[in-house]
């Protein structure tokens, strides 16, 4: 259901979310479809993301990428 009344005050569009995350807009749309990101769709079908949630997601991705990979010494 599309509802512009619940668009977050800190709402940003897909292009801005992709810039913050350092990925393509297609990746952002894919992550939203897969449930990794949450967006509100306006009556025109435009995705609006919470800037705060995008920044938190970006920080979590950076932490995950910085985590050393474990290698087992067999």
PDB file of N, CA and C in Angstrom:
ATOM      1  N   UNK A   1       0.848  -1.183   0.000  1.00  0.00           N
ATOM      2  CA  UNK A   1       0.000   0.000   0.000  1.00  0.00           C
ATOM      3  C   UNK A   1       0.885   1.234   0.000  1.00  0.00           C
ATOM      4  N   UNK A   2       0.559   2.162  -0.804  1.00  0.00           N
ATOM      5  CA  UNK A   2       1.342   3.388  -0.908  1.00  0.00           C
ATOM      6  C   UNK A   2       0.713   4.459  -0.033  1.00  0.00           C
ATOM      7  N   UNK A   3       1.565   5.148   0.713  1.00  0.00           N
ATOM      8  CA  UNK A   3       1.036   6.129   1.652  1.00  0.00           C
ATOM      9  C   UNK A   3       2.047   7.246   1.846  1.00  0.00           C
ATOM     10  N   UNK A   4       1.769   8.410   1.323  1.00  0.00           N
ATOM     11  CA  UNK A   4       2.683   9.539   1.477  1.00  0.00           C
ATOM     12  C   UNK A   4       2.627  10.129   2.880  1.00  0.00           C
ATOM     13  N   UNK A   5       1.605   9.805   3.667  1.00  0.00           N
ATOM     14  CA  UNK A   5       1.479  10.355   5.013  1.00  0.00           C
ATOM     15  C   UNK A   5       2.563   9.817   5.942  1.00  0.00           C
ATOM     16  N   UNK A   6       3.146   8.668   5.616  1.00  0.00           N
ATOM     17  CA  UNK A   6       4.150   8.073   6.491  1.00  0.00           C
ATOM     18  C   UNK A   6       5.580   8.255   5.980  1.00  0.00           C
ATOM     19  N   UNK A   7       5.766   9.122   5.002  1.00  0.00           N
ATOM     20  CA  UNK A   7       7.115   9.388   4.501  1.00  0.00           C
ATOM     21  C   UNK A   7       7.919  10.020   5.634  1.00  0.00           C
ATOM     22  N   UNK A   8       9.119   9.477   5.924  1.00  0.00           N
ATOM     23  CA  UNK A   8       9.906  10.003   7.039  1.00  0.00           C
ATOM     24  C   UNK A   8      10.347  11.443   6.816  1.00  0.00           C
ATOM     25  N   UNK A   9      10.477  12.181   7.920  1.00  0.00           N
ATOM     26  CA  UNK A   9      10.933  13.576   7.838  1.00  0.00           C
ATOM     27  C   UNK A   9      12.326  13.674   7.212  1.00  0.00           C
ATOM     28  N   UNK A  10      13.143  12.649   7.452  1.00  0.00           N
ATOM     29  CA  UNK A  10      14.500  12.645   6.907  1.00  0.00           C
ATOM     30  C   UNK A  10      14.564  11.838   5.610  1.00  0.00           C
ATOM     31  N   UNK A  11      13.448  11.798   4.894  1.00  0.00           N
ATOM     32  CA  UNK A  11      13.333  10.974   3.693  1.00  0.00           C
ATOM     33  C   UNK A  11      14.286  11.372   2.578  1.00  0.00           C
ATOM     34  N   UNK A  12      14.864  10.354   1.955  1.00  0.00           N
ATOM     35  CA  UNK A  12      15.741  10.556   0.801  1.00  0.00           C
ATOM     36  C   UNK A  12      15.312   9.603  -0.309  1.00  0.00           C
ATOM     37  N   UNK A  13      15.677   9.947  -1.524  1.00  0.00           N
ATOM     38  CA  UNK A  13      15.330   9.134  -2.677  1.00  0.00           C
ATOM     39  C   UNK A  13      16.392   8.058  -2.917  1.00  0.00           C
ATOM     40  N   UNK A  14      16.085   7.150  -3.800  1.00  0.00           N
ATOM     41  CA  UNK A  14      16.978   6.043  -4.118  1.00  0.00           C
ATOM     42  C   UNK A  14      18.357   6.529  -4.527  1.00  0.00           C
ATOM     43  N   UNK A  15      18.429   7.580  -5.317  1.00  0.00           N
ATOM     44  CA  UNK A  15      19.729   8.074  -5.789  1.00  0.00           C
ATOM     45  C   UNK A  15      20.613   8.529  -4.631  1.00  0.00           C
ATOM     46  N   UNK A  16      20.031   9.201  -3.652  1.00  0.00           N
ATOM     47  CA  UNK A  16      20.805   9.644  -2.489  1.00  0.00           C
ATOM     48  C   UNK A  16      21.201   8.447  -1.634  1.00  0.00           C
ATOM     49  N   UNK A  17      20.296   7.501  -1.461  1.00  0.00           N
ATOM     50  CA  UNK A  17      20.614   6.285  -0.699  1.00  0.00           C
ATOM     51  C   UNK A  17      21.769   5.538  -1.359  1.00  0.00           C
ATOM     52  N   UNK A  18      21.754   5.447  -2.679  1.00  0.00           N
ATOM     53  CA  UNK A  18      22.826   4.738  -3.379  1.00  0.00           C
ATOM     54  C   UNK A  18      24.158   5.467  -3.220  1.00  0.00           C
ATOM     55  N   UNK A  19      24.126   6.794  -3.208  1.00  0.00           N
ATOM     56  CA  UNK A  19      25.358   7.569  -3.004  1.00  0.00           C
ATOM     57  C   UNK A  19      25.929   7.311  -1.623  1.00  0.00           C
ATOM     58  N   UNK A  20      25.069   7.340  -0.603  1.00  0.00           N
ATOM     59  CA  UNK A  20      25.511   7.104   0.773  1.00  0.00           C
ATOM     60  C   UNK A  20      26.096   5.699   0.920  1.00  0.00           C
ATOM     61  N   UNK A  21      25.435   4.726   0.300  1.00  0.00           N
ATOM     62  CA  UNK A  21      25.860   3.336   0.422  1.00  0.00           C
ATOM     63  C   UNK A  21      27.015   2.968  -0.506  1.00  0.00           C
ATOM     64  N   UNK A  22      27.275   3.810  -1.494  1.00  0.00           N
ATOM     65  CA  UNK A  22      28.360   3.528  -2.423  1.00  0.00           C
ATOM     66  C   UNK A  22      28.056   2.393  -3.384  1.00  0.00           C
ATOM     67  N   UNK A  23      26.788   2.243  -3.723  1.00  0.00           N
ATOM     68  CA  UNK A  23      26.356   1.199  -4.658  1.00  0.00           C
ATOM     69  C   UNK A  23      25.429   1.822  -5.691  1.00  0.00           C
ATOM     70  N   UNK A  24      25.042   1.029  -6.661  1.00  0.00           N
ATOM     71  CA  UNK A  24      24.135   1.531  -7.694  1.00  0.00           C
ATOM     72  C   UNK A  24      22.713   1.662  -7.158  1.00  0.00           C
ATOM     73  N   UNK A  25      21.928   2.463  -7.836  1.00  0.00           N
ATOM     74  CA  UNK A  25      20.513   2.594  -7.485  1.00  0.00           C
ATOM     75  C   UNK A  25      19.807   1.253  -7.640  1.00  0.00           C
ATOM     76  N   UNK A  26      20.223   0.466  -8.620  1.00  0.00           N
ATOM     77  CA  UNK A  26      19.635  -0.859  -8.821  1.00  0.00           C
ATOM     78  C   UNK A  26      19.875  -1.750  -7.602  1.00  0.00           C
ATOM     79  N   UNK A  27      21.053  -1.666  -6.991  1.00  0.00           N
ATOM     80  CA  UNK A  27      21.335  -2.446  -5.779  1.00  0.00           C
ATOM     81  C   UNK A  27      20.415  -2.025  -4.648  1.00  0.00           C
ATOM     82  N   UNK A  28      20.211  -0.726  -4.497  1.00  0.00           N
ATOM     83  CA  UNK A  28      19.326  -0.229  -3.437  1.00  0.00           C
ATOM     84  C   UNK A  28      17.910  -0.756  -3.659  1.00  0.00           C
ATOM     85  N   UNK A  29      17.417  -0.682  -4.893  1.00  0.00           N
ATOM     86  CA  UNK A  29      16.075  -1.190  -5.196  1.00  0.00           C
ATOM     87  C   UNK A  29      15.995  -2.689  -4.933  1.00  0.00           C
ATOM     88  N   UNK A  30      17.029  -3.418  -5.298  1.00  0.00           N
ATOM     89  CA  UNK A  30      17.060  -4.865  -5.072  1.00  0.00           C
ATOM     90  C   UNK A  30      17.035  -5.181  -3.577  1.00  0.00           C
ATOM     91  N   UNK A  31      17.842  -4.465  -2.803  1.00  0.00           N
ATOM     92  CA  UNK A  31      17.867  -4.686  -1.352  1.00  0.00           C
ATOM     93  C   UNK A  31      16.520  -4.361  -0.731  1.00  0.00           C
ATOM     94  N   UNK A  32      15.853  -3.343  -1.246  1.00  0.00           N
ATOM     95  CA  UNK A  32      14.522  -2.996  -0.728  1.00  0.00           C
ATOM     96  C   UNK A  32      13.529  -4.108  -1.060  1.00  0.00           C
ATOM     97  N   UNK A  33      13.566  -4.616  -2.272  1.00  0.00           N
ATOM     98  CA  UNK A  33      12.655  -5.713  -2.658  1.00  0.00           C
ATOM     99  C   UNK A  33      12.909  -6.961  -1.828  1.00  0.00           C
ATOM    100  N   UNK A  34      14.178  -7.209  -1.469  1.00  0.00           N
ATOM    101  CA  UNK A  34      14.538  -8.387  -0.678  1.00  0.00           C
ATOM    102  C   UNK A  34      14.311  -8.184   0.818  1.00  0.00           C
ATOM    103  N   UNK A  35      13.921  -6.977   1.218  1.00  0.00           N
ATOM    104  CA  UNK A  35      13.627  -6.720   2.624  1.00  0.00           C
ATOM    105  C   UNK A  35      14.810  -6.278   3.455  1.00  0.00           C
ATOM    106  N   UNK A  36      15.960  -6.039   2.834  1.00  0.00           N
ATOM    107  CA  UNK A  36      17.132  -5.587   3.583  1.00  0.00           C
ATOM    108  C   UNK A  36      17.033  -4.109   3.933  1.00  0.00           C
ATOM    109  N   UNK A  37      16.329  -3.359   3.115  1.00  0.00           N
ATOM    110  CA  UNK A  37      16.069  -1.937   3.355  1.00  0.00           C
ATOM    111  C   UNK A  37      14.563  -1.723   3.317  1.00  0.00           C
ATOM    112  N   UNK A  38      14.120  -0.711   4.040  1.00  0.00           N
ATOM    113  CA  UNK A  38      12.698  -0.386   4.052  1.00  0.00           C
ATOM    114  C   UNK A  38      12.484   0.962   3.375  1.00  0.00           C
ATOM    115  N   UNK A  39      11.508   1.003   2.495  1.00  0.00           N
ATOM    116  CA  UNK A  39      11.159   2.251   1.815  1.00  0.00           C
ATOM    117  C   UNK A  39       9.653   2.431   1.847  1.00  0.00           C
ATOM    118  N   UNK A  40       9.253   3.672   1.836  1.00  0.00           N
ATOM    119  CA  UNK A  40       7.851   4.034   1.652  1.00  0.00           C
ATOM    120  C   UNK A  40       7.714   4.388   0.178  1.00  0.00           C
ATOM    121  N   UNK A  41       6.691   3.901  -0.462  1.00  0.00           N
ATOM    122  CA  UNK A  41       6.457   4.275  -1.857  1.00  0.00           C
ATOM    123  C   UNK A  41       5.354   5.323  -1.893  1.00  0.00           C
ATOM    124  N   UNK A  42       5.646   6.396  -2.597  1.00  0.00           N
ATOM    125  CA  UNK A  42       4.654   7.459  -2.745  1.00  0.00           C
ATOM    126  C   UNK A  42       3.565   6.996  -3.709  1.00  0.00           C
ATOM    127  N   UNK A  43       2.521   7.785  -3.839  1.00  0.00           N
ATOM    128  CA  UNK A  43       1.444   7.427  -4.768  1.00  0.00           C
ATOM    129  C   UNK A  43       1.951   7.337  -6.197  1.00  0.00           C
ATOM    130  N   UNK A  44       3.052   8.013  -6.498  1.00  0.00           N
ATOM    131  CA  UNK A  44       3.659   7.936  -7.825  1.00  0.00           C
ATOM    132  C   UNK A  44       4.637   6.781  -7.975  1.00  0.00           C
ATOM    133  N   UNK A  45       4.819   5.984  -6.907  1.00  0.00           N
ATOM    134  CA  UNK A  45       5.710   4.830  -6.954  1.00  0.00           C
ATOM    135  C   UNK A  45       7.161   5.131  -6.641  1.00  0.00           C
ATOM    136  N   UNK A  46       7.448   6.330  -6.158  1.00  0.00           N
ATOM    137  CA  UNK A  46       8.816   6.713  -5.818  1.00  0.00           C
ATOM    138  C   UNK A  46       9.162   6.170  -4.435  1.00  0.00           C
ATOM    139  N   UNK A  47      10.310   5.499  -4.344  1.00  0.00           N
ATOM    140  CA  UNK A  47      10.769   4.980  -3.053  1.00  0.00           C
ATOM    141  C   UNK A  47      11.384   6.119  -2.239  1.00  0.00           C
ATOM    142  N   UNK A  48      11.005   6.200  -0.965  1.00  0.00           N
ATOM    143  CA  UNK A  48      11.585   7.171  -0.045  1.00  0.00           C
ATOM    144  C   UNK A  48      12.118   6.400   1.152  1.00  0.00           C
ATOM    145  N   UNK A  49      13.403   6.591   1.431  1.00  0.00           N
ATOM    146  CA  UNK A  49      14.086   5.897   2.520  1.00  0.00           C
ATOM    147  C   UNK A  49      14.361   6.876   3.654  1.00  0.00           C
ATOM    148  N   UNK A  50      14.455   6.363   4.858  1.00  0.00           N
ATOM    149  CA  UNK A  50      14.877   7.169   5.995  1.00  0.00           C
ATOM    150  C   UNK A  50      16.395   7.316   5.929  1.00  0.00           C
ATOM    151  N   UNK A  51      16.879   8.559   5.909  1.00  0.00           N
ATOM    152  CA  UNK A  51      18.331   8.797   5.877  1.00  0.00           C
ATOM    153  C   UNK A  51      19.005   8.097   7.051  1.00  0.00           C
ATOM    154  N   UNK A  52      18.409   8.171   8.221  1.00  0.00           N
ATOM    155  CA  UNK A  52      18.999   7.549   9.413  1.00  0.00           C
ATOM    156  C   UNK A  52      19.179   6.048   9.212  1.00  0.00           C
ATOM    157  N   UNK A  53      18.163   5.376   8.675  1.00  0.00           N
ATOM    158  CA  UNK A  53      18.268   3.935   8.460  1.00  0.00           C
ATOM    159  C   UNK A  53      19.305   3.594   7.395  1.00  0.00           C
ATOM    160  N   UNK A  54      19.403   4.417   6.370  1.00  0.00           N
ATOM    161  CA  UNK A  54      20.410   4.182   5.329  1.00  0.00           C
ATOM    162  C   UNK A  54      21.810   4.338   5.906  1.00  0.00           C
ATOM    163  N   UNK A  55      22.027   5.374   6.707  1.00  0.00           N
ATOM    164  CA  UNK A  55      23.338   5.585   7.326  1.00  0.00           C
ATOM    165  C   UNK A  55      23.667   4.421   8.261  1.00  0.00           C
ATOM    166  N   UNK A  56      22.698   3.965   9.047  1.00  0.00           N
ATOM    167  CA  UNK A  56      22.922   2.821   9.939  1.00  0.00           C
ATOM    168  C   UNK A  56      23.256   1.564   9.140  1.00  0.00           C
ATOM    169  N   UNK A  57      22.564   1.353   8.033  1.00  0.00           N
ATOM    170  CA  UNK A  57      22.827   0.202   7.179  1.00  0.00           C
ATOM    171  C   UNK A  57      24.232   0.295   6.591  1.00  0.00           C
ATOM    172  N   UNK A  58      24.638   1.491   6.155  1.00  0.00           N
ATOM    173  CA  UNK A  58      25.975   1.700   5.599  1.00  0.00           C
ATOM    174  C   UNK A  58      27.044   1.414   6.651  1.00  0.00           C
ATOM    175  N   UNK A  59      26.826   1.876   7.870  1.00  0.00           N
ATOM    176  CA  UNK A  59      27.792   1.638   8.942  1.00  0.00           C
ATOM    177  C   UNK A  59      27.899   0.153   9.256  1.00  0.00           C
ATOM    178  N   UNK A  60      26.785  -0.552   9.265  1.00  0.00           N
ATOM    179  CA  UNK A  60      26.792  -1.999   9.515  1.00  0.00           C
ATOM    180  C   UNK A  60      27.548  -2.731   8.407  1.00  0.00           C
ATOM    181  N   UNK A  61      27.359  -2.298   7.152  1.00  0.00           N
ATOM    182  CA  UNK A  61      28.082  -2.909   6.029  1.00  0.00           C
ATOM    183  C   UNK A  61      29.579  -2.675   6.174  1.00  0.00           C
ATOM    184  N   UNK A  62      29.969  -1.465   6.596  1.00  0.00           N
ATOM    185  CA  UNK A  62      31.393  -1.169   6.766  1.00  0.00           C
ATOM    186  C   UNK A  62      31.998  -2.032   7.867  1.00  0.00           C
ATOM    187  N   UNK A  63      31.268  -2.194   8.962  1.00  0.00           N
ATOM    188  CA  UNK A  63      31.759  -3.049  10.055  1.00  0.00           C
ATOM    189  C   UNK A  63      31.914  -4.487   9.571  1.00  0.00           C
ATOM    190  N   UNK A  64      30.947  -4.961   8.808  1.00  0.00           N
ATOM    191  CA  UNK A  64      30.989  -6.330   8.288  1.00  0.00           C
ATOM    192  C   UNK A  64      32.178  -6.513   7.341  1.00  0.00           C
ATOM    193  N   UNK A  65      32.413  -5.528   6.483  1.00  0.00           N
ATOM    194  CA  UNK A  65      33.516  -5.623   5.534  1.00  0.00           C
ATOM    195  C   UNK A  65      34.872  -5.505   6.221  1.00  0.00           C
ATOM    196  N   UNK A  66      34.924  -4.798   7.354  1.00  0.00           N
ATOM    197  CA  UNK A  66      36.177  -4.615   8.083  1.00  0.00           C
ATOM    198  C   UNK A  66      36.508  -5.821   8.962  1.00  0.00           C
ATOM    199  N   UNK A  67      35.517  -6.669   9.218  1.00  0.00           N
ATOM    200  CA  UNK A  67      35.719  -7.835  10.061  1.00  0.00           C
ATOM    201  C   UNK A  67      36.691  -8.787   9.368  1.00  0.00           C
ATOM    202  N   UNK A  68      37.739  -9.196  10.088  1.00  0.00           N
ATOM    203  CA  UNK A  68      38.698 -10.110   9.461  1.00  0.00           C
ATOM    204  C   UNK A  68      38.048 -11.464   9.173  1.00  0.00           C
ATOM    205  N   UNK A  69      38.451 -12.037   8.065  1.00  0.00           N
ATOM    206  CA  UNK A  69      37.928 -13.355   7.733  1.00  0.00           C
ATOM    207  C   UNK A  69      38.713 -14.388   8.529  1.00  0.00           C
ATOM    208  N   UNK A  70      38.015 -15.365   9.019  1.00  0.00           N
ATOM    209  CA  UNK A  70      38.707 -16.396   9.813  1.00  0.00           C
ATOM    210  C   UNK A  70      39.241 -17.463   8.874  1.00  0.00           C
ATOM    211  N   UNK A  71      40.458 -17.827   9.137  1.00  0.00           N
ATOM    212  CA  UNK A  71      41.065 -18.930   8.375  1.00  0.00           C
ATOM    213  C   UNK A  71      41.435 -20.012   9.365  1.00  0.00           C
ATOM    214  N   UNK A  72      41.155 -21.215   9.003  1.00  0.00           N
ATOM    215  CA  UNK A  72      41.465 -22.312   9.913  1.00  0.00           C
ATOM    216  C   UNK A  72      42.802 -22.918   9.514  1.00  0.00           C
ATOM    217  N   UNK A  73      43.615 -23.126  10.526  1.00  0.00           N
ATOM    218  CA  UNK A  73      44.910 -23.754  10.307  1.00  0.00           C
ATOM    219  C   UNK A  73      44.749 -25.250  10.531  1.00  0.00           C
ATOM    220  N   UNK A  74      44.666 -25.965   9.439  1.00  0.00           N
ATOM    221  CA  UNK A  74      44.421 -27.413   9.562  1.00  0.00           C
ATOM    222  C   UNK A  74      45.684 -28.180   9.389  1.00  0.00           C
TER     223      UNK A  74
END
